[in-house]
Amino acid sequence: MEAQKVPIKVEAKLLLPREEYTLMARKHFEKKGYRVHSGLQFGSDLVLYADSPDRVHSDFCVHVIPEGEILH
């Protein structure tokens, strides 16, 4: 007997609180004039550049800590 294929409905998930805070931080630093990139490869949430990443090193690595989260 062959297994039946059942269609799976995937619904859009809401942003997690951490993702919301990261997006808020990204927008904040973009308004300040920084070029904002993912900091995943550097072990942070965001990386800030004052100029093109091809021309300069990053100025800051940003760790986003949501309100109420405890650092260990």
PDB file of N, CA and C in Angstrom:
ATOM      1  N   MET A   1       0.836  -1.175   0.000  1.00  0.00           N
ATOM      2  CA  MET A   1       0.000   0.000   0.000  1.00  0.00           C
ATOM      3  C   MET A   1       0.887   1.248   0.000  1.00  0.00           C
ATOM      4  N   GLU A   2       0.624   2.181  -0.903  1.00  0.00           N
ATOM      5  CA  GLU A   2       1.414   3.397  -1.055  1.00  0.00           C
ATOM      6  C   GLU A   2       0.924   4.476  -0.093  1.00  0.00           C
ATOM      7  N   ALA A   3       1.874   5.202   0.495  1.00  0.00           N
ATOM      8  CA  ALA A   3       1.512   6.280   1.424  1.00  0.00           C
ATOM      9  C   ALA A   3       0.849   7.414   0.651  1.00  0.00           C
ATOM     10  N   GLN A   4      -0.171   7.994   1.257  1.00  0.00           N
ATOM     11  CA  GLN A   4      -0.865   9.115   0.629  1.00  0.00           C
ATOM     12  C   GLN A   4      -0.078  10.396   0.825  1.00  0.00           C
ATOM     13  N   LYS A   5      -0.075  11.235  -0.190  1.00  0.00           N
ATOM     14  CA  LYS A   5       0.544  12.539  -0.070  1.00  0.00           C
ATOM     15  C   LYS A   5      -0.523  13.519   0.387  1.00  0.00           C
ATOM     16  N   VAL A   6      -0.252  14.171   1.491  1.00  0.00           N
ATOM     17  CA  VAL A   6      -1.204  15.114   2.066  1.00  0.00           C
ATOM     18  C   VAL A   6      -0.648  16.520   1.884  1.00  0.00           C
ATOM     19  N   PRO A   7      -1.406  17.420   1.263  1.00  0.00           N
ATOM     20  CA  PRO A   7      -0.905  18.790   1.130  1.00  0.00           C
ATOM     21  C   PRO A   7      -0.783  19.450   2.505  1.00  0.00           C
ATOM     22  N   ILE A   8       0.265  20.184   2.678  1.00  0.00           N
ATOM     23  CA  ILE A   8       0.509  20.864   3.947  1.00  0.00           C
ATOM     24  C   ILE A   8       0.320  22.357   3.731  1.00  0.00           C
ATOM     25  N   LYS A   9      -0.505  22.952   4.555  1.00  0.00           N
ATOM     26  CA  LYS A   9      -0.728  24.390   4.475  1.00  0.00           C
ATOM     27  C   LYS A   9       0.230  25.072   5.433  1.00  0.00           C
ATOM     28  N   VAL A  10       1.031  25.965   4.893  1.00  0.00           N
ATOM     29  CA  VAL A  10       1.989  26.706   5.711  1.00  0.00           C
ATOM     30  C   VAL A  10       1.497  28.136   5.824  1.00  0.00           C
ATOM     31  N   GLU A  11       1.349  28.588   7.043  1.00  0.00           N
ATOM     32  CA  GLU A  11       0.899  29.959   7.264  1.00  0.00           C
ATOM     33  C   GLU A  11       2.085  30.821   7.650  1.00  0.00           C
ATOM     34  N   ALA A  12       2.012  32.088   7.282  1.00  0.00           N
ATOM     35  CA  ALA A  12       3.083  33.019   7.628  1.00  0.00           C
ATOM     36  C   ALA A  12       3.162  33.158   9.140  1.00  0.00           C
ATOM     37  N   LYS A  13       4.371  33.096   9.650  1.00  0.00           N
ATOM     38  CA  LYS A  13       4.530  33.259  11.095  1.00  0.00           C
ATOM     39  C   LYS A  13       4.762  34.733  11.412  1.00  0.00           C
ATOM     40  N   LEU A  14       4.396  35.105  12.605  1.00  0.00           N
ATOM     41  CA  LEU A  14       4.665  36.457  13.068  1.00  0.00           C
ATOM     42  C   LEU A  14       6.138  36.567  13.440  1.00  0.00           C
ATOM     43  N   LEU A  15       6.669  37.760  13.342  1.00  0.00           N
ATOM     44  CA  LEU A  15       8.049  37.956  13.746  1.00  0.00           C
ATOM     45  C   LEU A  15       8.205  37.681  15.233  1.00  0.00           C
ATOM     46  N   LEU A  16       9.279  37.046  15.580  1.00  0.00           N
ATOM     47  CA  LEU A  16       9.574  36.821  16.987  1.00  0.00           C
ATOM     48  C   LEU A  16      10.023  38.134  17.601  1.00  0.00           C
ATOM     49  N   PRO A  17       9.853  38.291  18.899  1.00  0.00           N
ATOM     50  CA  PRO A  17      10.253  39.548  19.542  1.00  0.00           C
ATOM     51  C   PRO A  17      11.699  39.947  19.239  1.00  0.00           C
ATOM     52  N   ARG A  18      12.621  39.006  19.219  1.00  0.00           N
ATOM     53  CA  ARG A  18      14.019  39.336  18.941  1.00  0.00           C
ATOM     54  C   ARG A  18      14.165  39.894  17.523  1.00  0.00           C
ATOM     55  N   GLU A  19      13.476  39.305  16.569  1.00  0.00           N
ATOM     56  CA  GLU A  19      13.535  39.792  15.189  1.00  0.00           C
ATOM     57  C   GLU A  19      12.946  41.196  15.078  1.00  0.00           C
ATOM     58  N   GLU A  20      11.892  41.452  15.846  1.00  0.00           N
ATOM     59  CA  GLU A  20      11.289  42.790  15.842  1.00  0.00           C
ATOM     60  C   GLU A  20      12.281  43.826  16.373  1.00  0.00           C
ATOM     61  N   TYR A  21      12.971  43.496  17.468  1.00  0.00           N
ATOM     62  CA  TYR A  21      13.958  44.413  18.034  1.00  0.00           C
ATOM     63  C   TYR A  21      15.128  44.624  17.068  1.00  0.00           C
ATOM     64  N   THR A  22      15.552  43.562  16.400  1.00  0.00           N
ATOM     65  CA  THR A  22      16.640  43.679  15.433  1.00  0.00           C
ATOM     66  C   THR A  22      16.233  44.588  14.279  1.00  0.00           C
ATOM     67  N   LEU A  23      15.006  44.456  13.812  1.00  0.00           N
ATOM     68  CA  LEU A  23      14.514  45.317  12.740  1.00  0.00           C
ATOM     69  C   LEU A  23      14.454  46.770  13.201  1.00  0.00           C
ATOM     70  N   MET A  24      14.017  46.997  14.433  1.00  0.00           N
ATOM     71  CA  MET A  24      13.978  48.357  14.975  1.00  0.00           C
ATOM     72  C   MET A  24      15.388  48.940  15.055  1.00  0.00           C
ATOM     73  N   ALA A  25      16.350  48.145  15.497  1.00  0.00           N
ATOM     74  CA  ALA A  25      17.735  48.609  15.594  1.00  0.00           C
ATOM     75  C   ALA A  25      18.288  48.902  14.202  1.00  0.00           C
ATOM     76  N   ARG A  26      17.989  48.056  13.237  1.00  0.00           N
ATOM     77  CA  ARG A  26      18.448  48.267  11.860  1.00  0.00           C
ATOM     78  C   ARG A  26      17.944  49.607  11.326  1.00  0.00           C
ATOM     79  N   LYS A  27      16.657  49.866  11.508  1.00  0.00           N
ATOM     80  CA  LYS A  27      16.073  51.124  11.027  1.00  0.00           C
ATOM     81  C   LYS A  27      16.692  52.328  11.736  1.00  0.00           C
ATOM     82  N   HIS A  28      16.929  52.201  13.036  1.00  0.00           N
ATOM     83  CA  HIS A  28      17.534  53.285  13.811  1.00  0.00           C
ATOM     84  C   HIS A  28      18.905  53.659  13.247  1.00  0.00           C
ATOM     85  N   PHE A  29      19.756  52.654  13.022  1.00  0.00           N
ATOM     86  CA  PHE A  29      21.111  52.931  12.548  1.00  0.00           C
ATOM     87  C   PHE A  29      21.129  53.378  11.091  1.00  0.00           C
ATOM     88  N   GLU A  30      20.184  52.910  10.292  1.00  0.00           N
ATOM     89  CA  GLU A  30      20.086  53.395   8.911  1.00  0.00           C
ATOM     90  C   GLU A  30      19.733  54.885   8.894  1.00  0.00           C
ATOM     91  N   LYS A  31      18.843  55.309   9.811  1.00  0.00           N
ATOM     92  CA  LYS A  31      18.490  56.729   9.905  1.00  0.00           C
ATOM     93  C   LYS A  31      19.692  57.569  10.339  1.00  0.00           C
ATOM     94  N   LYS A  32      20.594  56.966  11.098  1.00  0.00           N
ATOM     95  CA  LYS A  32      21.805  57.667  11.547  1.00  0.00           C
ATOM     96  C   LYS A  32      22.861  57.739  10.441  1.00  0.00           C
ATOM     97  N   GLY A  33      22.606  57.085   9.310  1.00  0.00           N
ATOM     98  CA  GLY A  33      23.520  57.162   8.178  1.00  0.00           C
ATOM     99  C   GLY A  33      24.450  55.977   7.996  1.00  0.00           C
ATOM    100  N   TYR A  34      24.319  54.962   8.838  1.00  0.00           N
ATOM    101  CA  TYR A  34      25.165  53.783   8.701  1.00  0.00           C
ATOM    102  C   TYR A  34      24.620  52.840   7.631  1.00  0.00           C
ATOM    103  N   ARG A  35      25.529  52.099   7.023  1.00  0.00           N
ATOM    104  CA  ARG A  35      25.130  50.984   6.168  1.00  0.00           C
ATOM    105  C   ARG A  35      25.055  49.787   7.103  1.00  0.00           C
ATOM    106  N   VAL A  36      23.910  49.150   7.159  1.00  0.00           N
ATOM    107  CA  VAL A  36      23.675  48.087   8.130  1.00  0.00           C
ATOM    108  C   VAL A  36      23.623  46.743   7.406  1.00  0.00           C
ATOM    109  N   HIS A  37      24.402  45.782   7.908  1.00  0.00           N
ATOM    110  CA  HIS A  37      24.441  44.438   7.336  1.00  0.00           C
ATOM    111  C   HIS A  37      24.263  43.414   8.442  1.00  0.00           C
ATOM    112  N   SER A  38      23.946  42.200   8.053  1.00  0.00           N
ATOM    113  CA  SER A  38      23.844  41.111   9.014  1.00  0.00           C
ATOM    114  C   SER A  38      25.201  40.899   9.671  1.00  0.00           C
ATOM    115  N   GLY A  39      25.186  40.642  10.960  1.00  0.00           N
ATOM    116  CA  GLY A  39      26.434  40.403  11.678  1.00  0.00           C
ATOM    117  C   GLY A  39      26.667  38.935  11.953  1.00  0.00           C
ATOM    118  N   LEU A  40      25.881  38.075  11.323  1.00  0.00           N
ATOM    119  CA  LEU A  40      25.946  36.638  11.600  1.00  0.00           C
ATOM    120  C   LEU A  40      27.367  36.085  11.487  1.00  0.00           C
ATOM    121  N   GLN A  41      28.083  36.463  10.442  1.00  0.00           N
ATOM    122  CA  GLN A  41      29.435  35.919  10.253  1.00  0.00           C
ATOM    123  C   GLN A  41      30.431  36.435  11.282  1.00  0.00           C
ATOM    124  N   PHE A  42      30.064  37.476  12.036  1.00  0.00           N
ATOM    125  CA  PHE A  42      30.938  38.035  13.058  1.00  0.00           C
ATOM    126  C   PHE A  42      30.448  37.727  14.473  1.00  0.00           C
ATOM    127  N   GLY A  43      29.411  36.937  14.590  1.00  0.00           N
ATOM    128  CA  GLY A  43      28.891  36.572  15.908  1.00  0.00           C
ATOM    129  C   GLY A  43      28.054  37.652  16.556  1.00  0.00           C
ATOM    130  N   SER A  44      27.472  38.532  15.741  1.00  0.00           N
ATOM    131  CA  SER A  44      26.610  39.589  16.266  1.00  0.00           C
ATOM    132  C   SER A  44      25.330  39.644  15.432  1.00  0.00           C
ATOM    133  N   ASP A  45      24.425  40.514  15.820  1.00  0.00           N
ATOM    134  CA  ASP A  45      23.169  40.637  15.084  1.00  0.00           C
ATOM    135  C   ASP A  45      23.314  41.538  13.862  1.00  0.00           C
ATOM    136  N   LEU A  46      24.009  42.656  14.041  1.00  0.00           N
ATOM    137  CA  LEU A  46      24.184  43.623  12.960  1.00  0.00           C
ATOM    138  C   LEU A  46      25.624  44.110  12.928  1.00  0.00           C
ATOM    139  N   VAL A  47      26.058  44.562  11.758  1.00  0.00           N
ATOM    140  CA  VAL A  47      27.359  45.199  11.595  1.00  0.00           C
ATOM    141  C   VAL A  47      27.116  46.542  10.936  1.00  0.00           C
ATOM    142  N   LEU A  48      27.763  47.594  11.458  1.00  0.00           N
ATOM    143  CA  LEU A  48      27.564  48.945  10.946  1.00  0.00           C
ATOM    144  C   LEU A  48      28.809  49.436  10.210  1.00  0.00           C
ATOM    145  N   TYR A  49      28.585  50.035   9.049  1.00  0.00           N
ATOM    146  CA  TYR A  49      29.662  50.611   8.246  1.00  0.00           C
ATOM    147  C   TYR A  49      29.360  52.083   8.001  1.00  0.00           C
ATOM    148  N   ALA A  50      30.387  52.928   8.104  1.00  0.00           N
ATOM    149  CA  ALA A  50      30.218  54.350   7.808  1.00  0.00           C
ATOM    150  C   ALA A  50      30.324  54.603   6.309  1.00  0.00           C
ATOM    151  N   ASP A  51      30.939  53.666   5.588  1.00  0.00           N
ATOM    152  CA  ASP A  51      31.114  53.781   4.136  1.00  0.00           C
ATOM    153  C   ASP A  51      30.856  52.393   3.535  1.00  0.00           C
ATOM    154  N   SER A  52      31.152  52.225   2.278  1.00  0.00           N
ATOM    155  CA  SER A  52      30.930  50.951   1.604  1.00  0.00           C
ATOM    156  C   SER A  52      31.751  49.837   2.265  1.00  0.00           C
ATOM    157  N   PRO A  53      31.141  48.684   2.534  1.00  0.00           N
ATOM    158  CA  PRO A  53      31.879  47.566   3.133  1.00  0.00           C
ATOM    159  C   PRO A  53      33.052  47.101   2.269  1.00  0.00           C
ATOM    160  N   ASP A  54      33.022  47.434   0.985  1.00  0.00           N
ATOM    161  CA  ASP A  54      34.142  47.084   0.109  1.00  0.00           C
ATOM    162  C   ASP A  54      35.351  47.983   0.352  1.00  0.00           C
ATOM    163  N   ARG A  55      35.123  49.134   0.960  1.00  0.00           N
ATOM    164  CA  ARG A  55      36.191  50.123   1.133  1.00  0.00           C
ATOM    165  C   ARG A  55      36.709  50.220   2.563  1.00  0.00           C
ATOM    166  N   VAL A  56      35.877  49.900   3.544  1.00  0.00           N
ATOM    167  CA  VAL A  56      36.277  50.079   4.944  1.00  0.00           C
ATOM    168  C   VAL A  56      35.900  48.857   5.785  1.00  0.00           C
ATOM    169  N   HIS A  57      36.521  48.766   6.958  1.00  0.00           N
ATOM    170  CA  HIS A  57      36.122  47.754   7.931  1.00  0.00           C
ATOM    171  C   HIS A  57      34.896  48.256   8.669  1.00  0.00           C
ATOM    172  N   SER A  58      34.184  47.355   9.304  1.00  0.00           N
ATOM    173  CA  SER A  58      33.001  47.774  10.049  1.00  0.00           C
ATOM    174  C   SER A  58      33.405  48.666  11.219  1.00  0.00           C
ATOM    175  N   ASP A  59      32.504  49.586  11.561  1.00  0.00           N
ATOM    176  CA  ASP A  59      32.748  50.476  12.691  1.00  0.00           C
ATOM    177  C   ASP A  59      32.271  49.855  13.995  1.00  0.00           C
ATOM    178  N   PHE A  60      31.152  49.128  13.924  1.00  0.00           N
ATOM    179  CA  PHE A  60      30.560  48.545  15.125  1.00  0.00           C
ATOM    180  C   PHE A  60      29.898  47.213  14.810  1.00  0.00           C
ATOM    181  N   CYS A  61      29.927  46.321  15.799  1.00  0.00           N
ATOM    182  CA  CYS A  61      29.106  45.112  15.785  1.00  0.00           C
ATOM    183  C   CYS A  61      28.033  45.329  16.841  1.00  0.00           C
ATOM    184  N   VAL A  62      26.800  45.012  16.515  1.00  0.00           N
ATOM    185  CA  VAL A  62      25.674  45.278  17.411  1.00  0.00           C
ATOM    186  C   VAL A  62      25.047  43.969  17.864  1.00  0.00           C
ATOM    187  N   HIS A  63      24.887  43.827  19.162  1.00  0.00           N
ATOM    188  CA  HIS A  63      24.138  42.714  19.738  1.00  0.00           C
ATOM    189  C   HIS A  63      22.806  43.273  20.214  1.00  0.00           C
ATOM    190  N   VAL A  64      21.721  42.740  19.698  1.00  0.00           N
ATOM    191  CA  VAL A  64      20.382  43.226  20.076  1.00  0.00           C
ATOM    192  C   VAL A  64      19.886  42.375  21.240  1.00  0.00           C
ATOM    193  N   ILE A  65      19.539  43.050  22.324  1.00  0.00           N
ATOM    194  CA  ILE A  65      19.041  42.361  23.512  1.00  0.00           C
ATOM    195  C   ILE A  65      17.628  42.879  23.782  1.00  0.00           C
ATOM    196  N   PRO A  66      16.624  42.030  23.521  1.00  0.00           N
ATOM    197  CA  PRO A  66      15.244  42.458  23.737  1.00  0.00           C
ATOM    198  C   PRO A  66      14.989  42.833  25.199  1.00  0.00           C
ATOM    199  N   GLU A  67      14.067  43.755  25.356  1.00  0.00           N
ATOM    200  CA  GLU A  67      13.684  44.208  26.696  1.00  0.00           C
ATOM    201  C   GLU A  67      13.251  43.031  27.549  1.00  0.00           C
ATOM    202  N   GLY A  68      13.802  42.932  28.721  1.00  0.00           N
ATOM    203  CA  GLY A  68      13.426  41.870  29.647  1.00  0.00           C
ATOM    204  C   GLY A  68      14.283  40.629  29.527  1.00  0.00           C
ATOM    205  N   GLU A  69      15.128  40.537  28.501  1.00  0.00           N
ATOM    206  CA  GLU A  69      16.001  39.367  28.355  1.00  0.00           C
ATOM    207  C   GLU A  69      17.181  39.508  29.291  1.00  0.00           C
ATOM    208  N   ILE A  70      17.545  38.415  29.935  1.00  0.00           N
ATOM    209  CA  ILE A  70      18.631  38.433  30.912  1.00  0.00           C
ATOM    210  C   ILE A  70      19.905  37.926  30.262  1.00  0.00           C
ATOM    211  N   LEU A  71      21.011  38.657  30.468  1.00  0.00           N
ATOM    212  CA  LEU A  71      22.304  38.226  29.959  1.00  0.00           C
ATOM    213  C   LEU A  71      22.915  37.206  30.914  1.00  0.00           C
ATOM    214  N   HIS A  72      23.527  36.197  30.340  1.00  0.00           N
ATOM    215  CA  HIS A  72      24.181  35.163  31.168  1.00  0.00           C
ATOM    216  C   HIS A  72      25.654  35.180  30.941  1.00  0.00           C
TER     217      HIS A  72
END
